[in-house]
N, C-alpha and C. Protein backbone atom coordinates (compact mmCIF):
# COMPACT_ATOMS: atom_id res chain seq x y z
N MET A 1 3.49 12.87 -13.33
CA MET A 1 2.46 13.83 -13.04
C MET A 1 1.25 13.11 -12.47
N GLN A 2 0.60 13.72 -11.47
CA GLN A 2 -0.60 13.15 -10.88
C GLN A 2 -1.81 13.95 -11.30
N THR A 3 -2.91 13.25 -11.50
CA THR A 3 -4.19 13.92 -11.69
C THR A 3 -4.94 13.80 -10.38
N ILE A 4 -5.29 14.93 -9.78
CA ILE A 4 -6.00 14.95 -8.51
C ILE A 4 -7.46 15.28 -8.79
N TYR A 5 -8.37 14.45 -8.28
CA TYR A 5 -9.79 14.63 -8.57
C TYR A 5 -10.58 15.26 -7.45
N SER A 6 -9.93 15.65 -6.36
CA SER A 6 -10.70 16.24 -5.26
C SER A 6 -11.20 17.63 -5.65
N PRO A 7 -12.34 18.05 -5.08
CA PRO A 7 -12.90 19.37 -5.43
C PRO A 7 -11.92 20.50 -5.12
N GLY A 8 -11.77 21.42 -6.04
CA GLY A 8 -10.92 22.58 -5.83
C GLY A 8 -9.43 22.31 -5.91
N ALA A 9 -9.05 21.09 -6.30
CA ALA A 9 -7.63 20.72 -6.29
C ALA A 9 -6.81 21.52 -7.30
N ALA A 10 -7.43 21.88 -8.42
CA ALA A 10 -6.68 22.57 -9.46
C ALA A 10 -6.12 23.90 -8.98
N SER A 11 -6.74 24.50 -7.97
CA SER A 11 -6.26 25.78 -7.50
C SER A 11 -5.48 25.68 -6.19
N ASN A 12 -5.22 24.45 -5.75
CA ASN A 12 -4.55 24.24 -4.47
C ASN A 12 -3.19 23.60 -4.72
N ILE A 13 -2.12 24.39 -4.71
CA ILE A 13 -0.79 23.88 -5.05
C ILE A 13 -0.31 22.83 -4.06
N SER A 14 -0.74 22.89 -2.79
CA SER A 14 -0.31 21.89 -1.82
C SER A 14 -0.89 20.52 -2.14
N VAL A 15 -2.00 20.48 -2.85
CA VAL A 15 -2.60 19.21 -3.26
C VAL A 15 -2.01 18.74 -4.58
N THR A 16 -1.97 19.62 -5.57
CA THR A 16 -1.51 19.20 -6.89
C THR A 16 -0.02 18.91 -6.92
N ALA A 17 0.74 19.41 -5.94
CA ALA A 17 2.18 19.16 -5.90
C ALA A 17 2.54 18.01 -4.95
N GLN A 18 1.53 17.25 -4.48
CA GLN A 18 1.80 16.14 -3.58
C GLN A 18 2.74 15.12 -4.23
N LYS A 19 3.76 14.69 -3.50
CA LYS A 19 4.76 13.77 -4.03
C LYS A 19 4.22 12.35 -4.12
N ARG A 20 4.78 11.59 -5.05
CA ARG A 20 4.50 10.16 -5.11
C ARG A 20 5.17 9.51 -3.91
N LEU A 21 4.50 8.56 -3.29
CA LEU A 21 5.05 7.92 -2.10
C LEU A 21 5.81 6.64 -2.42
N ILE A 22 5.63 6.10 -3.62
CA ILE A 22 6.37 4.90 -4.02
C ILE A 22 7.14 5.23 -5.29
N ARG A 23 8.45 4.94 -5.25
CA ARG A 23 9.32 5.30 -6.37
C ARG A 23 10.22 4.13 -6.73
N PRO A 24 9.98 3.48 -7.87
CA PRO A 24 10.87 2.40 -8.30
C PRO A 24 12.26 2.98 -8.57
N THR A 25 13.29 2.36 -8.01
CA THR A 25 14.65 2.88 -8.18
C THR A 25 15.55 1.93 -8.97
N LEU A 26 15.57 0.66 -8.60
CA LEU A 26 16.38 -0.33 -9.32
C LEU A 26 15.45 -1.45 -9.76
N THR A 27 14.98 -1.36 -10.99
CA THR A 27 14.02 -2.35 -11.46
C THR A 27 14.58 -3.20 -12.60
N GLN A 28 15.19 -2.60 -13.57
CA GLN A 28 15.85 -3.28 -14.69
C GLN A 28 15.05 -4.46 -15.21
N GLY A 29 13.77 -4.23 -15.45
CA GLY A 29 12.92 -5.28 -16.02
C GLY A 29 12.30 -6.20 -14.99
N ASN A 30 12.74 -6.13 -13.73
CA ASN A 30 12.17 -7.01 -12.70
C ASN A 30 10.87 -6.47 -12.14
N SER A 31 10.62 -5.20 -12.31
CA SER A 31 9.46 -4.57 -11.69
C SER A 31 8.57 -3.95 -12.75
N PHE A 32 7.28 -3.98 -12.48
CA PHE A 32 6.35 -3.39 -13.42
C PHE A 32 5.06 -3.03 -12.70
N PRO A 33 4.36 -2.00 -13.18
CA PRO A 33 3.07 -1.64 -12.60
C PRO A 33 1.98 -2.49 -13.26
N TYR A 34 1.57 -3.56 -12.60
CA TYR A 34 0.59 -4.47 -13.16
C TYR A 34 -0.79 -3.80 -13.18
N PRO A 35 -1.47 -3.79 -14.32
CA PRO A 35 -2.78 -3.11 -14.40
C PRO A 35 -3.89 -3.99 -13.83
N VAL A 36 -4.61 -3.46 -12.86
CA VAL A 36 -5.71 -4.17 -12.22
C VAL A 36 -6.87 -3.20 -12.00
N TYR A 37 -7.94 -3.69 -11.38
CA TYR A 37 -9.11 -2.89 -11.10
C TYR A 37 -9.39 -2.88 -9.60
N LEU A 38 -9.89 -1.77 -9.13
CA LEU A 38 -10.30 -1.65 -7.75
C LEU A 38 -11.50 -2.57 -7.52
N ASP A 39 -11.43 -3.40 -6.48
CA ASP A 39 -12.53 -4.31 -6.19
C ASP A 39 -13.83 -3.52 -6.00
N PRO A 40 -14.95 -4.00 -6.55
CA PRO A 40 -16.23 -3.28 -6.42
C PRO A 40 -16.64 -3.01 -4.97
N SER A 41 -16.14 -3.80 -4.02
CA SER A 41 -16.48 -3.58 -2.61
C SER A 41 -15.91 -2.28 -2.08
N LEU A 42 -14.99 -1.65 -2.81
CA LEU A 42 -14.39 -0.39 -2.39
C LEU A 42 -15.10 0.83 -2.99
N ARG A 43 -16.28 0.61 -3.52
CA ARG A 43 -17.11 1.71 -4.04
C ARG A 43 -18.43 1.73 -3.29
N ASN A 44 -18.86 2.94 -2.92
CA ASN A 44 -20.20 3.13 -2.36
C ASN A 44 -21.21 3.12 -3.49
N SER A 45 -22.49 3.07 -3.16
CA SER A 45 -23.53 3.03 -4.19
C SER A 45 -23.54 4.29 -5.06
N ASP A 46 -23.03 5.42 -4.53
CA ASP A 46 -22.97 6.65 -5.32
C ASP A 46 -21.69 6.75 -6.16
N GLY A 47 -20.85 5.71 -6.11
CA GLY A 47 -19.62 5.69 -6.91
C GLY A 47 -18.39 6.20 -6.18
N SER A 48 -18.57 6.78 -5.00
CA SER A 48 -17.42 7.28 -4.23
C SER A 48 -16.62 6.11 -3.63
N ILE A 49 -15.40 6.40 -3.24
CA ILE A 49 -14.52 5.38 -2.65
C ILE A 49 -14.98 5.06 -1.24
N ARG A 50 -15.03 3.76 -0.93
CA ARG A 50 -15.34 3.30 0.42
C ARG A 50 -14.07 2.74 1.04
N ILE A 51 -13.59 3.38 2.08
CA ILE A 51 -12.36 2.95 2.75
C ILE A 51 -12.67 1.68 3.55
N PRO A 52 -11.83 0.62 3.43
CA PRO A 52 -12.05 -0.60 4.21
C PRO A 52 -12.00 -0.32 5.71
N LEU A 53 -12.96 -0.88 6.45
CA LEU A 53 -13.09 -0.65 7.88
C LEU A 53 -12.82 -1.91 8.68
N ALA A 54 -12.54 -1.73 9.97
CA ALA A 54 -12.25 -2.86 10.86
C ALA A 54 -13.39 -3.86 10.92
N ALA A 55 -14.61 -3.39 10.77
CA ALA A 55 -15.78 -4.27 10.87
C ALA A 55 -16.04 -5.06 9.60
N ASP A 56 -15.31 -4.80 8.52
CA ASP A 56 -15.54 -5.50 7.26
C ASP A 56 -15.25 -6.99 7.40
N ALA A 57 -16.11 -7.78 6.79
CA ALA A 57 -15.93 -9.23 6.81
C ALA A 57 -16.55 -9.82 5.56
N THR A 58 -16.14 -11.03 5.23
CA THR A 58 -16.74 -11.73 4.10
C THR A 58 -18.17 -12.08 4.47
N PRO A 59 -19.12 -12.14 3.55
CA PRO A 59 -18.95 -12.02 2.11
C PRO A 59 -19.08 -10.59 1.56
N THR A 60 -19.42 -9.60 2.41
CA THR A 60 -19.58 -8.22 1.93
C THR A 60 -18.27 -7.66 1.41
N TYR A 61 -17.19 -7.90 2.16
CA TYR A 61 -15.85 -7.45 1.77
C TYR A 61 -15.03 -8.71 1.53
N PRO A 62 -14.11 -8.70 0.57
CA PRO A 62 -13.37 -9.93 0.23
C PRO A 62 -12.53 -10.51 1.37
N LEU A 63 -12.07 -9.66 2.32
CA LEU A 63 -11.23 -10.13 3.42
C LEU A 63 -11.81 -9.69 4.75
N THR A 64 -11.67 -10.52 5.76
CA THR A 64 -12.06 -10.11 7.11
C THR A 64 -10.96 -9.21 7.65
N ARG A 65 -11.36 -8.07 8.23
CA ARG A 65 -10.41 -7.08 8.71
C ARG A 65 -10.49 -6.94 10.22
N SER A 66 -9.37 -6.51 10.83
CA SER A 66 -9.36 -6.21 12.26
C SER A 66 -9.02 -4.75 12.51
N ALA A 67 -8.69 -4.00 11.45
CA ALA A 67 -8.35 -2.58 11.58
C ALA A 67 -8.78 -1.85 10.31
N ASN A 68 -9.05 -0.58 10.46
CA ASN A 68 -9.33 0.26 9.29
C ASN A 68 -8.10 0.32 8.40
N ALA A 69 -8.31 0.42 7.08
CA ALA A 69 -7.20 0.66 6.17
C ALA A 69 -6.62 2.03 6.49
N PHE A 70 -5.30 2.16 6.43
CA PHE A 70 -4.65 3.43 6.72
C PHE A 70 -4.98 4.44 5.62
N THR A 71 -5.29 5.67 6.05
CA THR A 71 -5.51 6.75 5.09
C THR A 71 -4.75 7.99 5.55
N TYR A 72 -4.45 8.85 4.59
CA TYR A 72 -3.86 10.16 4.87
C TYR A 72 -4.74 11.16 4.15
N GLU A 73 -5.30 12.12 4.89
CA GLU A 73 -6.26 13.07 4.32
C GLU A 73 -7.41 12.34 3.62
N GLY A 74 -7.80 11.19 4.17
CA GLY A 74 -8.90 10.42 3.61
C GLY A 74 -8.54 9.58 2.41
N SER A 75 -7.27 9.56 2.02
CA SER A 75 -6.83 8.80 0.84
C SER A 75 -6.04 7.56 1.25
N ILE A 76 -6.33 6.43 0.59
CA ILE A 76 -5.49 5.24 0.74
C ILE A 76 -4.17 5.58 0.06
N VAL A 77 -3.06 5.32 0.72
CA VAL A 77 -1.76 5.81 0.26
C VAL A 77 -1.06 4.85 -0.71
N PRO A 78 -0.32 5.40 -1.68
CA PRO A 78 0.53 4.55 -2.51
C PRO A 78 1.51 3.78 -1.63
N GLY A 79 1.82 2.56 -2.04
CA GLY A 79 2.70 1.70 -1.24
C GLY A 79 1.92 0.74 -0.36
N THR A 80 0.59 0.93 -0.25
CA THR A 80 -0.25 0.01 0.51
C THR A 80 -0.20 -1.36 -0.14
N VAL A 81 -0.17 -2.41 0.67
CA VAL A 81 -0.14 -3.78 0.15
C VAL A 81 -1.52 -4.15 -0.38
N MET A 82 -1.56 -4.67 -1.61
CA MET A 82 -2.82 -5.04 -2.24
C MET A 82 -2.87 -6.56 -2.45
N VAL A 83 -4.10 -7.09 -2.41
CA VAL A 83 -4.34 -8.52 -2.56
C VAL A 83 -5.33 -8.74 -3.69
N LYS A 84 -5.08 -9.74 -4.53
CA LYS A 84 -6.00 -10.06 -5.62
C LYS A 84 -7.26 -10.69 -5.04
N THR A 85 -8.42 -10.28 -5.56
CA THR A 85 -9.69 -10.86 -5.10
C THR A 85 -10.21 -11.79 -6.20
N THR A 86 -11.07 -11.29 -7.07
CA THR A 86 -11.57 -12.10 -8.18
C THR A 86 -11.19 -11.44 -9.49
N ASN A 87 -11.09 -12.25 -10.51
CA ASN A 87 -10.73 -11.76 -11.85
C ASN A 87 -9.49 -10.87 -11.76
N GLU A 88 -9.57 -9.62 -12.21
CA GLU A 88 -8.45 -8.70 -12.17
C GLU A 88 -8.66 -7.62 -11.11
N ASN A 89 -9.41 -7.94 -10.06
CA ASN A 89 -9.71 -6.99 -9.00
C ASN A 89 -8.77 -7.16 -7.83
N VAL A 90 -8.51 -6.04 -7.12
CA VAL A 90 -7.67 -6.08 -5.92
C VAL A 90 -8.32 -5.27 -4.81
N CYS A 91 -7.94 -5.60 -3.57
CA CYS A 91 -8.40 -4.84 -2.40
C CYS A 91 -7.20 -4.64 -1.47
N VAL A 92 -7.40 -3.85 -0.44
CA VAL A 92 -6.35 -3.56 0.53
C VAL A 92 -6.13 -4.79 1.42
N ALA A 93 -4.88 -5.18 1.60
CA ALA A 93 -4.54 -6.32 2.46
C ALA A 93 -5.02 -6.06 3.88
N SER A 94 -5.46 -7.12 4.54
CA SER A 94 -5.94 -7.00 5.92
C SER A 94 -4.90 -7.48 6.93
N GLY A 95 -3.88 -8.19 6.46
CA GLY A 95 -2.87 -8.71 7.37
C GLY A 95 -3.41 -9.74 8.34
N ALA A 96 -4.57 -10.29 8.05
CA ALA A 96 -5.24 -11.13 9.03
C ALA A 96 -5.09 -12.62 8.79
N ASN A 97 -4.61 -13.02 7.65
CA ASN A 97 -4.59 -14.44 7.33
C ASN A 97 -3.25 -14.81 6.72
N SER A 98 -2.57 -15.76 7.34
CA SER A 98 -1.23 -16.13 6.88
C SER A 98 -1.25 -16.84 5.53
N ALA A 99 -2.43 -17.30 5.09
CA ALA A 99 -2.50 -18.02 3.82
C ALA A 99 -2.67 -17.09 2.63
N ILE A 100 -2.97 -15.81 2.87
CA ILE A 100 -3.22 -14.87 1.76
C ILE A 100 -1.91 -14.35 1.22
N GLN A 101 -1.73 -14.47 -0.09
CA GLN A 101 -0.51 -14.02 -0.77
C GLN A 101 -0.70 -12.60 -1.29
N PRO A 102 0.06 -11.63 -0.77
CA PRO A 102 -0.04 -10.26 -1.31
C PRO A 102 0.37 -10.23 -2.78
N MET A 103 -0.26 -9.33 -3.54
CA MET A 103 0.04 -9.21 -4.96
C MET A 103 1.14 -8.20 -5.23
N GLY A 104 1.08 -7.05 -4.54
CA GLY A 104 2.06 -6.00 -4.78
C GLY A 104 1.69 -4.74 -4.02
N LEU A 105 2.32 -3.64 -4.41
CA LEU A 105 2.16 -2.36 -3.72
C LEU A 105 1.39 -1.36 -4.59
N LEU A 106 0.40 -0.74 -3.99
CA LEU A 106 -0.46 0.22 -4.69
C LEU A 106 0.36 1.35 -5.31
N GLY A 107 0.04 1.69 -6.54
CA GLY A 107 0.81 2.69 -7.26
C GLY A 107 0.28 4.11 -7.19
N GLN A 108 -0.95 4.33 -6.72
CA GLN A 108 -1.50 5.68 -6.70
C GLN A 108 -2.39 5.91 -5.48
N TRP A 109 -2.79 7.16 -5.29
CA TRP A 109 -3.70 7.53 -4.22
C TRP A 109 -5.11 7.11 -4.60
N ILE A 110 -5.88 6.66 -3.60
CA ILE A 110 -7.27 6.27 -3.85
C ILE A 110 -8.17 7.00 -2.86
N GLY A 111 -9.14 7.75 -3.39
CA GLY A 111 -10.12 8.43 -2.56
C GLY A 111 -9.55 9.64 -1.84
N GLY A 112 -10.40 10.31 -1.08
CA GLY A 112 -9.98 11.42 -0.24
C GLY A 112 -9.41 12.61 -1.00
N THR A 113 -8.57 13.37 -0.32
CA THR A 113 -8.01 14.61 -0.86
C THR A 113 -7.15 14.40 -2.10
N PHE A 114 -6.37 13.32 -2.13
CA PHE A 114 -5.38 13.13 -3.21
C PHE A 114 -5.83 12.10 -4.26
N ASP A 115 -7.11 11.86 -4.37
CA ASP A 115 -7.63 10.81 -5.25
C ASP A 115 -7.10 10.92 -6.68
N ASN A 116 -6.52 9.83 -7.18
CA ASN A 116 -6.05 9.77 -8.57
C ASN A 116 -7.02 9.04 -9.49
N LEU A 117 -8.17 8.58 -8.97
CA LEU A 117 -9.05 7.73 -9.75
C LEU A 117 -10.27 8.44 -10.32
N GLY A 118 -10.88 9.32 -9.55
CA GLY A 118 -12.16 9.88 -9.97
C GLY A 118 -13.18 8.75 -10.07
N GLN A 119 -13.88 8.65 -11.18
CA GLN A 119 -14.86 7.58 -11.38
C GLN A 119 -14.26 6.34 -12.02
N ASN A 120 -12.97 6.37 -12.31
CA ASN A 120 -12.31 5.22 -12.91
C ASN A 120 -12.04 4.15 -11.86
N SER A 121 -11.77 2.94 -12.29
CA SER A 121 -11.43 1.85 -11.37
C SER A 121 -10.08 1.23 -11.70
N GLU A 122 -9.42 1.70 -12.77
CA GLU A 122 -8.14 1.14 -13.17
C GLU A 122 -7.04 1.67 -12.27
N ILE A 123 -6.28 0.77 -11.65
CA ILE A 123 -5.15 1.15 -10.81
C ILE A 123 -3.95 0.28 -11.20
N SER A 124 -2.80 0.59 -10.61
CA SER A 124 -1.61 -0.23 -10.85
C SER A 124 -1.09 -0.75 -9.53
N VAL A 125 -0.54 -1.96 -9.59
CA VAL A 125 0.08 -2.59 -8.44
C VAL A 125 1.52 -2.92 -8.81
N TRP A 126 2.48 -2.30 -8.12
CA TRP A 126 3.89 -2.56 -8.40
C TRP A 126 4.27 -3.93 -7.87
N MET A 127 4.87 -4.73 -8.73
CA MET A 127 5.28 -6.06 -8.34
C MET A 127 6.54 -6.46 -9.08
N GLY A 128 7.18 -7.49 -8.62
CA GLY A 128 8.39 -7.99 -9.24
C GLY A 128 9.44 -8.29 -8.20
N PRO A 129 9.77 -9.58 -7.98
CA PRO A 129 10.75 -9.92 -6.96
C PRO A 129 12.12 -9.31 -7.26
N ASP A 130 12.78 -8.87 -6.21
CA ASP A 130 14.13 -8.29 -6.25
C ASP A 130 14.15 -6.85 -6.76
N SER A 131 13.02 -6.28 -7.12
CA SER A 131 13.00 -4.87 -7.51
C SER A 131 13.12 -4.01 -6.25
N VAL A 132 13.66 -2.81 -6.41
CA VAL A 132 13.94 -1.93 -5.28
C VAL A 132 13.13 -0.64 -5.41
N TYR A 133 12.57 -0.19 -4.28
CA TYR A 133 11.73 1.00 -4.25
C TYR A 133 12.14 1.90 -3.10
N ASP A 134 11.96 3.19 -3.30
CA ASP A 134 11.99 4.15 -2.20
C ASP A 134 10.54 4.43 -1.82
N LEU A 135 10.26 4.37 -0.53
CA LEU A 135 8.95 4.75 -0.02
C LEU A 135 9.10 6.02 0.79
N LEU A 136 8.16 6.94 0.65
CA LEU A 136 8.12 8.14 1.46
C LEU A 136 6.98 8.00 2.47
N ALA A 137 7.19 8.50 3.68
CA ALA A 137 6.17 8.44 4.72
C ALA A 137 4.93 9.19 4.26
N PRO A 138 3.76 8.69 4.58
CA PRO A 138 3.44 7.59 5.50
C PRO A 138 3.11 6.28 4.79
N ALA A 139 3.85 5.90 3.76
CA ALA A 139 3.54 4.70 2.98
C ALA A 139 3.80 3.40 3.72
N TRP A 140 4.45 3.43 4.87
CA TRP A 140 4.67 2.23 5.67
C TRP A 140 4.47 2.60 7.14
N ASN A 141 4.29 1.57 7.96
CA ASN A 141 4.16 1.77 9.40
C ASN A 141 5.55 1.73 10.00
N ASP A 142 6.05 2.87 10.45
CA ASP A 142 7.42 2.97 10.95
C ASP A 142 7.57 2.61 12.43
N THR A 143 6.46 2.33 13.09
CA THR A 143 6.49 2.04 14.52
C THR A 143 7.41 0.87 14.84
N GLY A 144 8.45 1.15 15.63
CA GLY A 144 9.38 0.10 16.06
C GLY A 144 10.38 -0.37 15.03
N LEU A 145 10.34 0.18 13.81
CA LEU A 145 11.21 -0.32 12.75
C LEU A 145 12.68 -0.02 13.03
N ALA A 146 13.00 1.19 13.48
CA ALA A 146 14.40 1.53 13.77
C ALA A 146 14.98 0.59 14.82
N ALA A 147 14.21 0.29 15.85
CA ALA A 147 14.67 -0.61 16.91
C ALA A 147 14.85 -2.02 16.38
N ALA A 148 13.96 -2.46 15.50
CA ALA A 148 14.06 -3.80 14.92
C ALA A 148 15.32 -3.94 14.07
N ILE A 149 15.64 -2.89 13.32
CA ILE A 149 16.85 -2.90 12.48
C ILE A 149 18.09 -2.92 13.37
N ALA A 150 18.10 -2.12 14.42
CA ALA A 150 19.25 -2.09 15.34
C ALA A 150 19.41 -3.43 16.03
N ALA A 151 18.31 -4.05 16.43
CA ALA A 151 18.37 -5.34 17.12
C ALA A 151 18.83 -6.46 16.20
N ALA A 152 18.48 -6.36 14.91
CA ALA A 152 18.86 -7.40 13.95
C ALA A 152 20.37 -7.43 13.74
N GLY A 153 21.01 -6.27 13.78
CA GLY A 153 22.46 -6.19 13.62
C GLY A 153 22.90 -6.25 12.17
N ALA A 154 24.20 -6.06 11.98
CA ALA A 154 24.78 -6.01 10.63
C ALA A 154 24.59 -7.33 9.91
N GLY A 155 24.20 -7.24 8.65
CA GLY A 155 24.06 -8.42 7.81
C GLY A 155 22.74 -9.16 7.94
N ALA A 156 21.95 -8.84 8.96
CA ALA A 156 20.66 -9.52 9.14
C ALA A 156 19.58 -8.73 8.45
N GLN A 157 18.71 -9.42 7.73
CA GLN A 157 17.65 -8.70 7.03
C GLN A 157 16.43 -8.55 7.92
N VAL A 158 15.78 -7.40 7.79
CA VAL A 158 14.52 -7.16 8.48
C VAL A 158 13.42 -7.26 7.43
N LEU A 159 12.52 -8.21 7.63
CA LEU A 159 11.44 -8.44 6.69
C LEU A 159 10.25 -7.56 7.02
N LEU A 160 9.49 -7.21 5.98
CA LEU A 160 8.29 -6.40 6.12
C LEU A 160 7.09 -7.22 5.64
N TYR A 161 5.96 -7.04 6.32
CA TYR A 161 4.75 -7.81 6.06
C TYR A 161 3.58 -6.87 5.84
N ALA A 162 2.46 -7.41 5.37
CA ALA A 162 1.23 -6.63 5.28
C ALA A 162 0.66 -6.49 6.68
N GLY A 163 0.59 -5.27 7.16
CA GLY A 163 0.02 -5.03 8.48
C GLY A 163 -1.49 -5.01 8.44
N THR A 164 -2.10 -4.94 9.60
CA THR A 164 -3.57 -4.96 9.68
C THR A 164 -4.20 -3.72 9.05
N ASP A 165 -3.43 -2.62 8.91
CA ASP A 165 -3.98 -1.42 8.26
C ASP A 165 -3.63 -1.37 6.77
N GLY A 166 -2.98 -2.43 6.25
CA GLY A 166 -2.65 -2.52 4.83
C GLY A 166 -1.26 -2.04 4.48
N ARG A 167 -0.61 -1.29 5.37
CA ARG A 167 0.74 -0.80 5.08
C ARG A 167 1.79 -1.85 5.48
N LEU A 168 2.98 -1.70 4.91
CA LEU A 168 4.09 -2.55 5.30
C LEU A 168 4.46 -2.30 6.76
N THR A 169 4.77 -3.36 7.47
CA THR A 169 5.21 -3.27 8.86
C THR A 169 6.20 -4.40 9.11
N TYR A 170 7.10 -4.23 10.07
CA TYR A 170 8.05 -5.30 10.36
C TYR A 170 7.42 -6.37 11.25
N VAL A 171 6.28 -6.10 11.84
CA VAL A 171 5.64 -7.05 12.74
C VAL A 171 4.84 -8.07 11.93
N ALA A 172 5.17 -9.36 12.13
CA ALA A 172 4.49 -10.42 11.39
C ALA A 172 3.23 -10.89 12.10
N SER A 173 3.02 -10.48 13.33
CA SER A 173 1.83 -10.88 14.08
C SER A 173 1.30 -9.65 14.82
N PRO A 174 0.03 -9.30 14.72
CA PRO A 174 -1.07 -10.08 14.17
C PRO A 174 -1.24 -9.95 12.66
N GLY A 175 -0.28 -9.39 11.99
CA GLY A 175 -0.39 -9.24 10.53
C GLY A 175 -0.10 -10.53 9.80
N SER A 176 0.05 -10.44 8.50
CA SER A 176 0.30 -11.59 7.65
C SER A 176 1.65 -12.23 7.99
N GLN A 177 1.78 -13.51 7.69
CA GLN A 177 3.03 -14.22 7.88
C GLN A 177 3.83 -14.32 6.58
N VAL A 178 3.30 -13.75 5.51
CA VAL A 178 3.96 -13.81 4.20
C VAL A 178 4.81 -12.55 4.02
N PRO A 179 6.15 -12.68 3.95
CA PRO A 179 6.97 -11.48 3.77
C PRO A 179 6.72 -10.83 2.41
N VAL A 180 6.60 -9.51 2.41
CA VAL A 180 6.35 -8.75 1.19
C VAL A 180 7.64 -8.10 0.68
N ALA A 181 8.49 -7.66 1.61
CA ALA A 181 9.72 -6.95 1.24
C ALA A 181 10.74 -7.09 2.35
N ARG A 182 11.95 -6.67 2.05
CA ARG A 182 12.97 -6.57 3.09
C ARG A 182 13.55 -5.17 3.07
N VAL A 183 14.01 -4.72 4.23
CA VAL A 183 14.56 -3.38 4.34
C VAL A 183 15.97 -3.35 3.74
N ILE A 184 16.20 -2.43 2.85
CA ILE A 184 17.56 -2.16 2.34
C ILE A 184 18.18 -1.07 3.21
N GLN A 185 17.44 0.03 3.41
CA GLN A 185 17.95 1.14 4.23
C GLN A 185 16.79 1.96 4.77
N ARG A 186 16.79 2.18 6.06
CA ARG A 186 15.84 3.13 6.66
C ARG A 186 16.62 4.42 6.84
N TRP A 187 16.40 5.37 5.93
CA TRP A 187 17.14 6.63 5.95
C TRP A 187 16.68 7.50 7.10
N SER A 188 15.39 7.47 7.36
CA SER A 188 14.78 8.25 8.44
C SER A 188 13.33 7.78 8.55
N ASN A 189 12.57 8.40 9.43
CA ASN A 189 11.15 8.04 9.49
C ASN A 189 10.37 8.61 8.32
N ALA A 190 11.06 9.30 7.40
CA ALA A 190 10.40 9.88 6.23
C ALA A 190 10.75 9.15 4.93
N ARG A 191 11.77 8.28 4.95
CA ARG A 191 12.18 7.60 3.71
C ARG A 191 12.72 6.21 4.03
N LEU A 192 12.26 5.24 3.24
CA LEU A 192 12.65 3.84 3.43
C LEU A 192 12.94 3.23 2.07
N THR A 193 14.05 2.49 1.94
CA THR A 193 14.35 1.77 0.72
C THR A 193 14.12 0.28 0.98
N ILE A 194 13.33 -0.34 0.10
CA ILE A 194 12.98 -1.75 0.29
C ILE A 194 13.28 -2.55 -0.96
N GLN A 195 13.42 -3.86 -0.78
CA GLN A 195 13.53 -4.80 -1.90
C GLN A 195 12.28 -5.67 -1.87
N SER A 196 11.54 -5.71 -2.98
CA SER A 196 10.31 -6.49 -3.03
C SER A 196 10.64 -7.98 -3.06
N LEU A 197 9.83 -8.77 -2.39
CA LEU A 197 9.97 -10.22 -2.38
C LEU A 197 8.82 -10.89 -3.13
N ILE A 198 7.91 -10.07 -3.70
CA ILE A 198 6.77 -10.64 -4.42
C ILE A 198 6.69 -10.09 -5.84
């Protein structure tokens, strides 16, 4: 069950019935939602969520960005790649630095129409090597993925990386060079099964 904090959500069935975009399927102890906190840089002075922008750079934001974080209806989507900053804080991956190690995949909606946080800062990051997840669109960047899978051929794995908008993408450049997951099955542009590598 999701708690939606957007105004008027309780009376809007299209909002309160929004599906989870990340679904652990084969975990068997390998996967877990690690409890972390939203980095303070993702809050405005009034306490509202601040979406990471292309112009963000250190030291104001923990990572230098080249693209806005992907949002749907103003919400950062579950399945977004997250990076540890300081202490137990995390921020949206920028895909800009090959030395940055992604921590895991965001477990809930942040900000906008589907906000699961309200004034809280506690979130979960799904992690665990070899665990398997189903992702529902738009939790990953599907651009060119079908062609990449076809070009790779039978038995070849297609790796996914943190893209510049924070979502998984098969393109390792200009995004991160650290693989986050591999494709198990691309069912359609609406559903993807992945195996976590982190």
